[in-house]
Each structure stands twice: as C-alpha cells, then as structure tokens.
Amino acid sequence: MKGESNSAYALFANNFSGGTTTGGTCSGAACTECGGALQGNFSKGMFANFSGATLPKGNYTDNTGTTGADQLYFCLRLAGNELTSQAYSTVNQGAWTIKVG
C-alpha cells in the first residue's frame, strides 16, 4: 500500500500477515493473525493460501457471518520509521484480490 499524499512511502506486502481467526483483544504476536502461518508470506502479484478458509454456499449479502462467508484477518507486523503521517491504501496501485479456487 502506497501513501496517498506521497507515494514514495509504502507499506509492503511482506510486512503483513493473516489468518482465519483473531485473538480478539490481543495485541502483537499474541494475535493469531499476527503470528500465524501466513506471517510475512505475502508479496505483490502472488496469491497466499489461507489454510482452513472456506467459502460455503449461501447468501453472502445477509452479513450474518454464518452463511456464504468466512472471516479473514490481517495484521500489519512492521511499519518502518521512515514513514510519514498520511493515509496508506491501494488506490495508487490496485486493490487486493481474493481468489477462490
């Protein structure tokens, strides 16, 4: 994700990790999404496998979290001290893509 005001600064994909569960009120590595199997395994242009994630059939528009949906959680594990205070997003390089296969 690049800075929206100054795109010379970025949060890189391999600084994120993810998982299918969250630790709730945890912080840092105690959260499953922060210390899980996908720790540092993201990179631009490559898909990462969320083991245990399922996408069951059902009405995914009902937003109940039970039918036609699975929860994926992400953690920003590292943000460099060179970063400036600004919004960071994928607006300058394209959205993240979730592929079901």
PDB file of N, CA and C in Angstrom:
ATOM      1  N   MET A   1       0.848  -1.161   0.000  1.00  0.00           N
ATOM      2  CA  MET A   1       0.000   0.000   0.000  1.00  0.00           C
ATOM      3  C   MET A   1       0.899   1.230   0.000  1.00  0.00           C
ATOM      4  N   LYS A   2       0.594   2.132  -0.900  1.00  0.00           N
ATOM      5  CA  LYS A   2       1.388   3.354  -1.013  1.00  0.00           C
ATOM      6  C   LYS A   2       0.685   4.525  -0.332  1.00  0.00           C
ATOM      7  N   GLY A   3       1.493   5.511   0.029  1.00  0.00           N
ATOM      8  CA  GLY A   3       0.945   6.719   0.619  1.00  0.00           C
ATOM      9  C   GLY A   3       0.086   7.456  -0.393  1.00  0.00           C
ATOM     10  N   GLU A   4      -1.049   7.966   0.045  1.00  0.00           N
ATOM     11  CA  GLU A   4      -1.945   8.679  -0.869  1.00  0.00           C
ATOM     12  C   GLU A   4      -1.466  10.096  -1.160  1.00  0.00           C
ATOM     13  N   SER A   5      -0.806  10.743  -0.208  1.00  0.00           N
ATOM     14  CA  SER A   5      -0.282  12.088  -0.430  1.00  0.00           C
ATOM     15  C   SER A   5       1.102  12.045  -1.054  1.00  0.00           C
ATOM     16  N   ASN A   6       1.934  11.127  -0.597  1.00  0.00           N
ATOM     17  CA  ASN A   6       3.289  10.977  -1.111  1.00  0.00           C
ATOM     18  C   ASN A   6       3.540   9.501  -1.344  1.00  0.00           C
ATOM     19  N   SER A   7       3.431   9.049  -2.583  1.00  0.00           N
ATOM     20  CA  SER A   7       3.532   7.621  -2.911  1.00  0.00           C
ATOM     21  C   SER A   7       4.960   7.096  -2.858  1.00  0.00           C
ATOM     22  N   ALA A   8       5.930   7.935  -2.487  1.00  0.00           N
ATOM     23  CA  ALA A   8       7.297   7.458  -2.299  1.00  0.00           C
ATOM     24  C   ALA A   8       7.400   6.589  -1.052  1.00  0.00           C
ATOM     25  N   TYR A   9       6.416   6.666  -0.176  1.00  0.00           N
ATOM     26  CA  TYR A   9       6.387   5.876   1.049  1.00  0.00           C
ATOM     27  C   TYR A   9       5.346   4.776   0.914  1.00  0.00           C
ATOM     28  N   ALA A  10       5.667   3.582   1.456  1.00  0.00           N
ATOM     29  CA  ALA A  10       4.755   2.459   1.266  1.00  0.00           C
ATOM     30  C   ALA A  10       4.813   1.477   2.439  1.00  0.00           C
ATOM     31  N   LEU A  11       3.733   0.753   2.604  1.00  0.00           N
ATOM     32  CA  LEU A  11       3.648  -0.402   3.493  1.00  0.00           C
ATOM     33  C   LEU A  11       3.707  -1.625   2.587  1.00  0.00           C
ATOM     34  N   PHE A  12       4.756  -2.414   2.693  1.00  0.00           N
ATOM     35  CA  PHE A  12       4.974  -3.510   1.757  1.00  0.00           C
ATOM     36  C   PHE A  12       4.211  -4.766   2.147  1.00  0.00           C
ATOM     37  N   ALA A  13       3.836  -5.549   1.150  1.00  0.00           N
ATOM     38  CA  ALA A  13       3.018  -6.744   1.352  1.00  0.00           C
ATOM     39  C   ALA A  13       3.641  -7.709   2.349  1.00  0.00           C
ATOM     40  N   ASN A  14       4.965  -7.877   2.310  1.00  0.00           N
ATOM     41  CA  ASN A  14       5.569  -8.856   3.220  1.00  0.00           C
ATOM     42  C   ASN A  14       5.633  -8.368   4.665  1.00  0.00           C
ATOM     43  N   ASN A  15       5.149  -7.147   4.940  1.00  0.00           N
ATOM     44  CA  ASN A  15       5.035  -6.660   6.318  1.00  0.00           C
ATOM     45  C   ASN A  15       3.693  -7.026   6.940  1.00  0.00           C
ATOM     46  N   PHE A  16       2.827  -7.666   6.172  1.00  0.00           N
ATOM     47  CA  PHE A  16       1.513  -8.083   6.653  1.00  0.00           C
ATOM     48  C   PHE A  16       1.502  -9.591   6.871  1.00  0.00           C
ATOM     49  N   SER A  17       0.649 -10.029   7.757  1.00  0.00           N
ATOM     50  CA  SER A  17       0.383 -11.450   7.911  1.00  0.00           C
ATOM     51  C   SER A  17      -1.126 -11.610   8.019  1.00  0.00           C
ATOM     52  N   GLY A  18      -1.595 -12.846   8.003  1.00  0.00           N
ATOM     53  CA  GLY A  18      -3.032 -13.063   8.043  1.00  0.00           C
ATOM     54  C   GLY A  18      -3.390 -14.413   8.604  1.00  0.00           C
ATOM     55  N   GLY A  19      -4.659 -14.563   8.887  1.00  0.00           N
ATOM     56  CA  GLY A  19      -5.166 -15.819   9.400  1.00  0.00           C
ATOM     57  C   GLY A  19      -6.680 -15.856   9.333  1.00  0.00           C
ATOM     58  N   THR A  20      -7.226 -16.999   9.680  1.00  0.00           N
ATOM     59  CA  THR A  20      -8.680 -17.176   9.635  1.00  0.00           C
ATOM     60  C   THR A  20      -9.320 -16.956  10.995  1.00  0.00           C
ATOM     61  N   THR A  21      -8.515 -16.734  12.026  1.00  0.00           N
ATOM     62  CA  THR A  21      -9.040 -16.435  13.350  1.00  0.00           C
ATOM     63  C   THR A  21      -8.314 -15.222  13.902  1.00  0.00           C
ATOM     64  N   THR A  22      -8.908 -14.591  14.867  1.00  0.00           N
ATOM     65  CA  THR A  22      -8.284 -13.452  15.528  1.00  0.00           C
ATOM     66  C   THR A  22      -8.249 -13.707  17.018  1.00  0.00           C
ATOM     67  N   GLY A  23      -7.328 -13.026  17.663  1.00  0.00           N
ATOM     68  CA  GLY A  23      -7.223 -13.180  19.106  1.00  0.00           C
ATOM     69  C   GLY A  23      -8.151 -12.263  19.873  1.00  0.00           C
ATOM     70  N   GLY A  24      -8.983 -11.484  19.162  1.00  0.00           N
ATOM     71  CA  GLY A  24      -9.930 -10.602  19.836  1.00  0.00           C
ATOM     72  C   GLY A  24      -9.258  -9.383  20.435  1.00  0.00           C
ATOM     73  N   THR A  25      -9.072  -9.370  21.735  1.00  0.00           N
ATOM     74  CA  THR A  25      -8.484  -8.207  22.403  1.00  0.00           C
ATOM     75  C   THR A  25      -6.976  -8.346  22.572  1.00  0.00           C
ATOM     76  N   CYS A  26      -6.352  -9.198  21.812  1.00  0.00           N
ATOM     77  CA  CYS A  26      -4.916  -9.414  21.917  1.00  0.00           C
ATOM     78  C   CYS A  26      -4.156  -8.243  21.279  1.00  0.00           C
ATOM     79  N   SER A  27      -2.831  -8.275  21.427  1.00  0.00           N
ATOM     80  CA  SER A  27      -2.003  -7.308  20.726  1.00  0.00           C
ATOM     81  C   SER A  27      -0.712  -7.978  20.291  1.00  0.00           C
ATOM     82  N   GLY A  28      -0.167  -7.515  19.158  1.00  0.00           N
ATOM     83  CA  GLY A  28       1.102  -8.031  18.657  1.00  0.00           C
ATOM     84  C   GLY A  28       1.064  -9.499  18.297  1.00  0.00           C
ATOM     85  N   ALA A  29       2.182 -10.185  18.560  1.00  0.00           N
ATOM     86  CA  ALA A  29       2.334 -11.585  18.162  1.00  0.00           C
ATOM     87  C   ALA A  29       1.359 -12.522  18.864  1.00  0.00           C
ATOM     88  N   ALA A  30       0.713 -12.070  19.943  1.00  0.00           N
ATOM     89  CA  ALA A  30      -0.261 -12.907  20.639  1.00  0.00           C
ATOM     90  C   ALA A  30      -1.513 -13.125  19.795  1.00  0.00           C
ATOM     91  N   CYS A  31      -1.747 -12.270  18.802  1.00  0.00           N
ATOM     92  CA  CYS A  31      -2.903 -12.423  17.915  1.00  0.00           C
ATOM     93  C   CYS A  31      -2.587 -13.482  16.861  1.00  0.00           C
ATOM     94  N   THR A  32      -3.510 -14.378  16.604  1.00  0.00           N
ATOM     95  CA  THR A  32      -3.253 -15.434  15.633  1.00  0.00           C
ATOM     96  C   THR A  32      -2.980 -14.887  14.239  1.00  0.00           C
ATOM     97  N   GLU A  33      -3.618 -13.783  13.876  1.00  0.00           N
ATOM     98  CA  GLU A  33      -3.364 -13.228  12.556  1.00  0.00           C
ATOM     99  C   GLU A  33      -1.990 -12.567  12.468  1.00  0.00           C
ATOM    100  N   CYS A  34      -1.382 -12.269  13.626  1.00  0.00           N
ATOM    101  CA  CYS A  34      -0.061 -11.628  13.633  1.00  0.00           C
ATOM    102  C   CYS A  34       1.080 -12.626  13.711  1.00  0.00           C
ATOM    103  N   GLY A  35       0.837 -13.806  14.190  1.00  0.00           N
ATOM    104  CA  GLY A  35       1.909 -14.788  14.322  1.00  0.00           C
ATOM    105  C   GLY A  35       1.603 -16.097  13.628  1.00  0.00           C
ATOM    106  N   GLY A  36       0.640 -16.080  12.738  1.00  0.00           N
ATOM    107  CA  GLY A  36       0.186 -17.306  12.093  1.00  0.00           C
ATOM    108  C   GLY A  36       1.073 -17.786  10.957  1.00  0.00           C
ATOM    109  N   ALA A  37       0.603 -18.795  10.252  1.00  0.00           N
ATOM    110  CA  ALA A  37       1.359 -19.431   9.176  1.00  0.00           C
ATOM    111  C   ALA A  37       1.618 -18.485   8.012  1.00  0.00           C
ATOM    112  N   LEU A  38       0.800 -17.465   7.835  1.00  0.00           N
ATOM    113  CA  LEU A  38       0.983 -16.547   6.716  1.00  0.00           C
ATOM    114  C   LEU A  38       1.876 -15.367   7.082  1.00  0.00           C
ATOM    115  N   GLN A  39       2.584 -15.469   8.170  1.00  0.00           N
ATOM    116  CA  GLN A  39       3.447 -14.386   8.623  1.00  0.00           C
ATOM    117  C   GLN A  39       4.518 -14.077   7.578  1.00  0.00           C
ATOM    118  N   GLY A  40       4.453 -12.900   6.982  1.00  0.00           N
ATOM    119  CA  GLY A  40       5.456 -12.471   6.018  1.00  0.00           C
ATOM    120  C   GLY A  40       5.414 -13.193   4.690  1.00  0.00           C
ATOM    121  N   ASN A  41       4.349 -13.946   4.403  1.00  0.00           N
ATOM    122  CA  ASN A  41       4.282 -14.715   3.160  1.00  0.00           C
ATOM    123  C   ASN A  41       3.518 -14.012   2.050  1.00  0.00           C
ATOM    124  N   PHE A  42       3.191 -12.735   2.221  1.00  0.00           N
ATOM    125  CA  PHE A  42       2.504 -12.004   1.167  1.00  0.00           C
ATOM    126  C   PHE A  42       3.539 -11.305   0.292  1.00  0.00           C
ATOM    127  N   SER A  43       3.256 -11.231  -0.977  1.00  0.00           N
ATOM    128  CA  SER A  43       4.092 -10.448  -1.883  1.00  0.00           C
ATOM    129  C   SER A  43       3.240  -9.991  -3.052  1.00  0.00           C
ATOM    130  N   LYS A  44       3.615  -8.870  -3.616  1.00  0.00           N
ATOM    131  CA  LYS A  44       2.846  -8.270  -4.704  1.00  0.00           C
ATOM    132  C   LYS A  44       2.759  -9.226  -5.892  1.00  0.00           C
ATOM    133  N   GLY A  45       1.558  -9.397  -6.389  1.00  0.00           N
ATOM    134  CA  GLY A  45       1.347 -10.225  -7.579  1.00  0.00           C
ATOM    135  C   GLY A  45       1.306 -11.718  -7.325  1.00  0.00           C
ATOM    136  N   MET A  46       1.339 -12.157  -6.070  1.00  0.00           N
ATOM    137  CA  MET A  46       1.291 -13.587  -5.775  1.00  0.00           C
ATOM    138  C   MET A  46       0.153 -13.854  -4.796  1.00  0.00           C
ATOM    139  N   PHE A  47      -0.475 -15.008  -4.942  1.00  0.00           N
ATOM    140  CA  PHE A  47      -1.549 -15.400  -4.037  1.00  0.00           C
ATOM    141  C   PHE A  47      -0.973 -16.168  -2.857  1.00  0.00           C
ATOM    142  N   ALA A  48      -1.548 -15.997  -1.686  1.00  0.00           N
ATOM    143  CA  ALA A  48      -1.166 -16.742  -0.492  1.00  0.00           C
ATOM    144  C   ALA A  48      -2.342 -17.620  -0.100  1.00  0.00           C
ATOM    145  N   ASN A  49      -2.062 -18.849   0.314  1.00  0.00           N
ATOM    146  CA  ASN A  49      -3.107 -19.800   0.674  1.00  0.00           C
ATOM    147  C   ASN A  49      -3.493 -19.634   2.136  1.00  0.00           C
ATOM    148  N   PHE A  50      -4.773 -19.365   2.383  1.00  0.00           N
ATOM    149  CA  PHE A  50      -5.297 -19.301   3.744  1.00  0.00           C
ATOM    150  C   PHE A  50      -5.811 -20.689   4.085  1.00  0.00           C
ATOM    151  N   SER A  51      -4.978 -21.541   4.636  1.00  0.00           N
ATOM    152  CA  SER A  51      -5.406 -22.890   5.012  1.00  0.00           C
ATOM    153  C   SER A  51      -6.527 -22.798   6.033  1.00  0.00           C
ATOM    154  N   GLY A  52      -7.554 -23.574   5.828  1.00  0.00           N
ATOM    155  CA  GLY A  52      -8.678 -23.583   6.745  1.00  0.00           C
ATOM    156  C   GLY A  52      -9.779 -22.614   6.375  1.00  0.00           C
ATOM    157  N   ALA A  53      -9.531 -21.720   5.422  1.00  0.00           N
ATOM    158  CA  ALA A  53     -10.579 -20.793   4.992  1.00  0.00           C
ATOM    159  C   ALA A  53     -11.525 -21.518   4.047  1.00  0.00           C
ATOM    160  N   THR A  54     -12.809 -21.306   4.230  1.00  0.00           N
ATOM    161  CA  THR A  54     -13.803 -21.914   3.354  1.00  0.00           C
ATOM    162  C   THR A  54     -14.767 -20.832   2.883  1.00  0.00           C
ATOM    163  N   LEU A  55     -15.355 -21.066   1.766  1.00  0.00           N
ATOM    164  CA  LEU A  55     -16.378 -20.161   1.266  1.00  0.00           C
ATOM    165  C   LEU A  55     -17.622 -20.999   0.975  1.00  0.00           C
ATOM    166  N   PRO A  56     -18.422 -21.226   2.015  1.00  0.00           N
ATOM    167  CA  PRO A  56     -19.601 -22.068   1.838  1.00  0.00           C
ATOM    168  C   PRO A  56     -20.669 -21.379   0.999  1.00  0.00           C
ATOM    169  N   LYS A  57     -21.522 -22.204   0.382  1.00  0.00           N
ATOM    170  CA  LYS A  57     -22.618 -21.622  -0.385  1.00  0.00           C
ATOM    171  C   LYS A  57     -23.597 -20.949   0.559  1.00  0.00           C
ATOM    172  N   GLY A  58     -24.283 -19.967   0.051  1.00  0.00           N
ATOM    173  CA  GLY A  58     -25.263 -19.268   0.861  1.00  0.00           C
ATOM    174  C   GLY A  58     -25.385 -17.824   0.447  1.00  0.00           C
ATOM    175  N   ASN A  59     -26.223 -17.104   1.152  1.00  0.00           N
ATOM    176  CA  ASN A  59     -26.479 -15.710   0.858  1.00  0.00           C
ATOM    177  C   ASN A  59     -25.393 -14.858   1.507  1.00  0.00           C
ATOM    178  N   TYR A  60     -24.403 -14.452   0.724  1.00  0.00           N
ATOM    179  CA  TYR A  60     -23.302 -13.679   1.280  1.00  0.00           C
ATOM    180  C   TYR A  60     -23.674 -12.219   1.527  1.00  0.00           C
ATOM    181  N   THR A  61     -24.851 -11.784   1.111  1.00  0.00           N
ATOM    182  CA  THR A  61     -25.258 -10.395   1.316  1.00  0.00           C
ATOM    183  C   THR A  61     -25.964 -10.178   2.648  1.00  0.00           C
ATOM    184  N   ASP A  62     -26.272 -11.250   3.374  1.00  0.00           N
ATOM    185  CA  ASP A  62     -27.005 -11.067   4.628  1.00  0.00           C
ATOM    186  C   ASP A  62     -26.110 -10.587   5.776  1.00  0.00           C
ATOM    187  N   ASN A  63     -24.806 -10.662   5.600  1.00  0.00           N
ATOM    188  CA  ASN A  63     -23.835 -10.139   6.558  1.00  0.00           C
ATOM    189  C   ASN A  63     -24.024 -10.667   7.977  1.00  0.00           C
ATOM    190  N   THR A  64     -24.370 -11.943   8.080  1.00  0.00           N
ATOM    191  CA  THR A  64     -24.526 -12.552   9.397  1.00  0.00           C
ATOM    192  C   THR A  64     -23.233 -13.193   9.879  1.00  0.00           C
ATOM    193  N   GLY A  65     -22.281 -13.371   8.958  1.00  0.00           N
ATOM    194  CA  GLY A  65     -21.037 -14.039   9.308  1.00  0.00           C
ATOM    195  C   GLY A  65     -21.168 -15.538   9.389  1.00  0.00           C
ATOM    196  N   THR A  66     -22.336 -16.079   9.006  1.00  0.00           N
ATOM    197  CA  THR A  66     -22.540 -17.521   9.094  1.00  0.00           C
ATOM    198  C   THR A  66     -22.841 -18.172   7.758  1.00  0.00           C
ATOM    199  N   THR A  67     -23.442 -17.461   6.824  1.00  0.00           N
ATOM    200  CA  THR A  67     -23.787 -18.080   5.552  1.00  0.00           C
ATOM    201  C   THR A  67     -23.036 -17.405   4.407  1.00  0.00           C
ATOM    202  N   GLY A  68     -22.405 -18.226   3.581  1.00  0.00           N
ATOM    203  CA  GLY A  68     -21.737 -17.723   2.390  1.00  0.00           C
ATOM    204  C   GLY A  68     -20.572 -16.801   2.673  1.00  0.00           C
ATOM    205  N   ALA A  69     -19.951 -16.935   3.841  1.00  0.00           N
ATOM    206  CA  ALA A  69     -18.861 -16.018   4.192  1.00  0.00           C
ATOM    207  C   ALA A  69     -17.836 -16.713   5.081  1.00  0.00           C
ATOM    208  N   ASP A  70     -16.634 -16.204   5.065  1.00  0.00           N
ATOM    209  CA  ASP A  70     -15.607 -16.597   6.007  1.00  0.00           C
ATOM    210  C   ASP A  70     -14.894 -15.322   6.425  1.00  0.00           C
ATOM    211  N   GLN A  71     -14.360 -15.302   7.604  1.00  0.00           N
ATOM    212  CA  GLN A  71     -13.667 -14.124   8.109  1.00  0.00           C
ATOM    213  C   GLN A  71     -12.165 -14.301   7.877  1.00  0.00           C
ATOM    214  N   LEU A  72     -11.530 -13.303   7.285  1.00  0.00           N
ATOM    215  CA  LEU A  72     -10.075 -13.275   7.132  1.00  0.00           C
ATOM    216  C   LEU A  72      -9.563 -12.063   7.896  1.00  0.00           C
ATOM    217  N   TYR A  73      -8.495 -12.245   8.638  1.00  0.00           N
ATOM    218  CA  TYR A  73      -7.954 -11.178   9.478  1.00  0.00           C
ATOM    219  C   TYR A  73      -6.524 -10.880   9.059  1.00  0.00           C
ATOM    220  N   PHE A  74      -6.167  -9.606   9.055  1.00  0.00           N
ATOM    221  CA  PHE A  74      -4.844  -9.185   8.630  1.00  0.00           C
ATOM    222  C   PHE A  74      -4.171  -8.382   9.728  1.00  0.00           C
ATOM    223  N   CYS A  75      -2.864  -8.437   9.757  1.00  0.00           N
ATOM    224  CA  CYS A  75      -2.077  -7.744  10.770  1.00  0.00           C
ATOM    225  C   CYS A  75      -0.912  -7.038  10.078  1.00  0.00           C
ATOM    226  N   LEU A  76      -0.740  -5.763  10.361  1.00  0.00           N
ATOM    227  CA  LEU A  76       0.442  -5.037   9.909  1.00  0.00           C
ATOM    228  C   LEU A  76       1.510  -5.275  10.963  1.00  0.00           C
ATOM    229  N   ARG A  77       2.491  -6.114  10.644  1.00  0.00           N
ATOM    230  CA  ARG A  77       3.508  -6.518  11.607  1.00  0.00           C
ATOM    231  C   ARG A  77       4.651  -5.523  11.725  1.00  0.00           C
ATOM    232  N   LEU A  78       4.899  -4.775  10.668  1.00  0.00           N
ATOM    233  CA  LEU A  78       6.029  -3.858  10.678  1.00  0.00           C
ATOM    234  C   LEU A  78       5.697  -2.626   9.845  1.00  0.00           C
ATOM    235  N   ALA A  79       5.903  -1.480  10.429  1.00  0.00           N
ATOM    236  CA  ALA A  79       5.787  -0.211   9.708  1.00  0.00           C
ATOM    237  C   ALA A  79       7.090   0.539   9.950  1.00  0.00           C
ATOM    238  N   GLY A  80       7.813   0.829   8.890  1.00  0.00           N
ATOM    239  CA  GLY A  80       9.121   1.462   9.016  1.00  0.00           C
ATOM    240  C   GLY A  80       9.056   2.845   9.644  1.00  0.00           C
ATOM    241  N   ASN A  81      10.132   3.218  10.341  1.00  0.00           N
ATOM    242  CA  ASN A  81      10.156   4.522  10.997  1.00  0.00           C
ATOM    243  C   ASN A  81      10.374   5.665  10.011  1.00  0.00           C
ATOM    244  N   GLU A  82      10.619   5.343   8.742  1.00  0.00           N
ATOM    245  CA  GLU A  82      10.756   6.375   7.716  1.00  0.00           C
ATOM    246  C   GLU A  82       9.405   6.863   7.189  1.00  0.00           C
ATOM    247  N   LEU A  83       8.328   6.184   7.544  1.00  0.00           N
ATOM    248  CA  LEU A  83       7.010   6.536   7.029  1.00  0.00           C
ATOM    249  C   LEU A  83       6.541   7.889   7.555  1.00  0.00           C
ATOM    250  N   THR A  84       5.757   8.561   6.742  1.00  0.00           N
ATOM    251  CA  THR A  84       5.181   9.840   7.153  1.00  0.00           C
ATOM    252  C   THR A  84       3.719   9.638   7.542  1.00  0.00           C
ATOM    253  N   SER A  85       3.186  10.562   8.299  1.00  0.00           N
ATOM    254  CA  SER A  85       1.794  10.506   8.717  1.00  0.00           C
ATOM    255  C   SER A  85       0.908  10.890   7.535  1.00  0.00           C
ATOM    256  N   GLN A  86       0.214   9.919   6.976  1.00  0.00           N
ATOM    257  CA  GLN A  86      -0.680  10.105   5.836  1.00  0.00           C
ATOM    258  C   GLN A  86      -1.525   8.848   5.680  1.00  0.00           C
ATOM    259  N   ALA A  87      -2.533   8.902   4.838  1.00  0.00           N
ATOM    260  CA  ALA A  87      -3.339   7.720   4.532  1.00  0.00           C
ATOM    261  C   ALA A  87      -2.545   6.806   3.605  1.00  0.00           C
ATOM    262  N   TYR A  88      -2.589   5.503   3.872  1.00  0.00           N
ATOM    263  CA  TYR A  88      -1.958   4.498   3.028  1.00  0.00           C
ATOM    264  C   TYR A  88      -3.059   3.588   2.502  1.00  0.00           C
ATOM    265  N   SER A  89      -3.063   3.330   1.210  1.00  0.00           N
ATOM    266  CA  SER A  89      -4.103   2.486   0.623  1.00  0.00           C
ATOM    267  C   SER A  89      -3.599   1.886  -0.678  1.00  0.00           C
ATOM    268  N   THR A  90      -4.461   1.110  -1.309  1.00  0.00           N
ATOM    269  CA  THR A  90      -4.125   0.508  -2.601  1.00  0.00           C
ATOM    270  C   THR A  90      -4.612   1.362  -3.771  1.00  0.00           C
ATOM    271  N   VAL A  91      -5.078   2.575  -3.510  1.00  0.00           N
ATOM    272  CA  VAL A  91      -5.656   3.419  -4.550  1.00  0.00           C
ATOM    273  C   VAL A  91      -4.663   3.704  -5.685  1.00  0.00           C
ATOM    274  N   ASN A  92      -3.368   3.770  -5.381  1.00  0.00           N
ATOM    275  CA  ASN A  92      -2.357   4.086  -6.405  1.00  0.00           C
ATOM    276  C   ASN A  92      -1.837   2.881  -7.167  1.00  0.00           C
ATOM    277  N   GLN A  93      -2.205   1.682  -6.760  1.00  0.00           N
ATOM    278  CA  GLN A  93      -1.661   0.504  -7.450  1.00  0.00           C
ATOM    279  C   GLN A  93      -2.623  -0.657  -7.591  1.00  0.00           C
ATOM    280  N   GLY A  94      -3.860  -0.490  -7.236  1.00  0.00           N
ATOM    281  CA  GLY A  94      -4.849  -1.547  -7.413  1.00  0.00           C
ATOM    282  C   GLY A  94      -5.192  -2.256  -6.125  1.00  0.00           C
ATOM    283  N   ALA A  95      -6.424  -2.689  -6.023  1.00  0.00           N
ATOM    284  CA  ALA A  95      -6.942  -3.334  -4.812  1.00  0.00           C
ATOM    285  C   ALA A  95      -6.351  -4.711  -4.614  1.00  0.00           C
ATOM    286  N   TRP A  96      -6.401  -5.189  -3.367  1.00  0.00           N
ATOM    287  CA  TRP A  96      -6.043  -6.580  -3.091  1.00  0.00           C
ATOM    288  C   TRP A  96      -7.101  -7.473  -3.727  1.00  0.00           C
ATOM    289  N   THR A  97      -6.693  -8.624  -4.188  1.00  0.00           N
ATOM    290  CA  THR A  97      -7.602  -9.566  -4.836  1.00  0.00           C
ATOM    291  C   THR A  97      -7.698 -10.831  -4.007  1.00  0.00           C
ATOM    292  N   ILE A  98      -8.911 -11.295  -3.800  1.00  0.00           N
ATOM    293  CA  ILE A  98      -9.132 -12.579  -3.135  1.00  0.00           C
ATOM    294  C   ILE A  98      -9.608 -13.555  -4.206  1.00  0.00           C
ATOM    295  N   LYS A  99      -8.883 -14.636  -4.342  1.00  0.00           N
ATOM    296  CA  LYS A  99      -9.162 -15.654  -5.360  1.00  0.00           C
ATOM    297  C   LYS A  99      -9.683 -16.901  -4.659  1.00  0.00           C
ATOM    298  N   VAL A 100     -10.813 -17.394  -5.101  1.00  0.00           N
ATOM    299  CA  VAL A 100     -11.377 -18.631  -4.549  1.00  0.00           C
ATOM    300  C   VAL A 100     -11.096 -19.734  -5.555  1.00  0.00           C
ATOM    301  N   GLY A 101     -10.436 -20.753  -5.092  1.00  0.00           N
ATOM    302  CA  GLY A 101     -10.071 -21.828  -6.024  1.00  0.00           C
ATOM    303  C   GLY A 101     -10.152 -23.178  -5.425  1.00  0.00           C
TER     304      GLY A 101
END
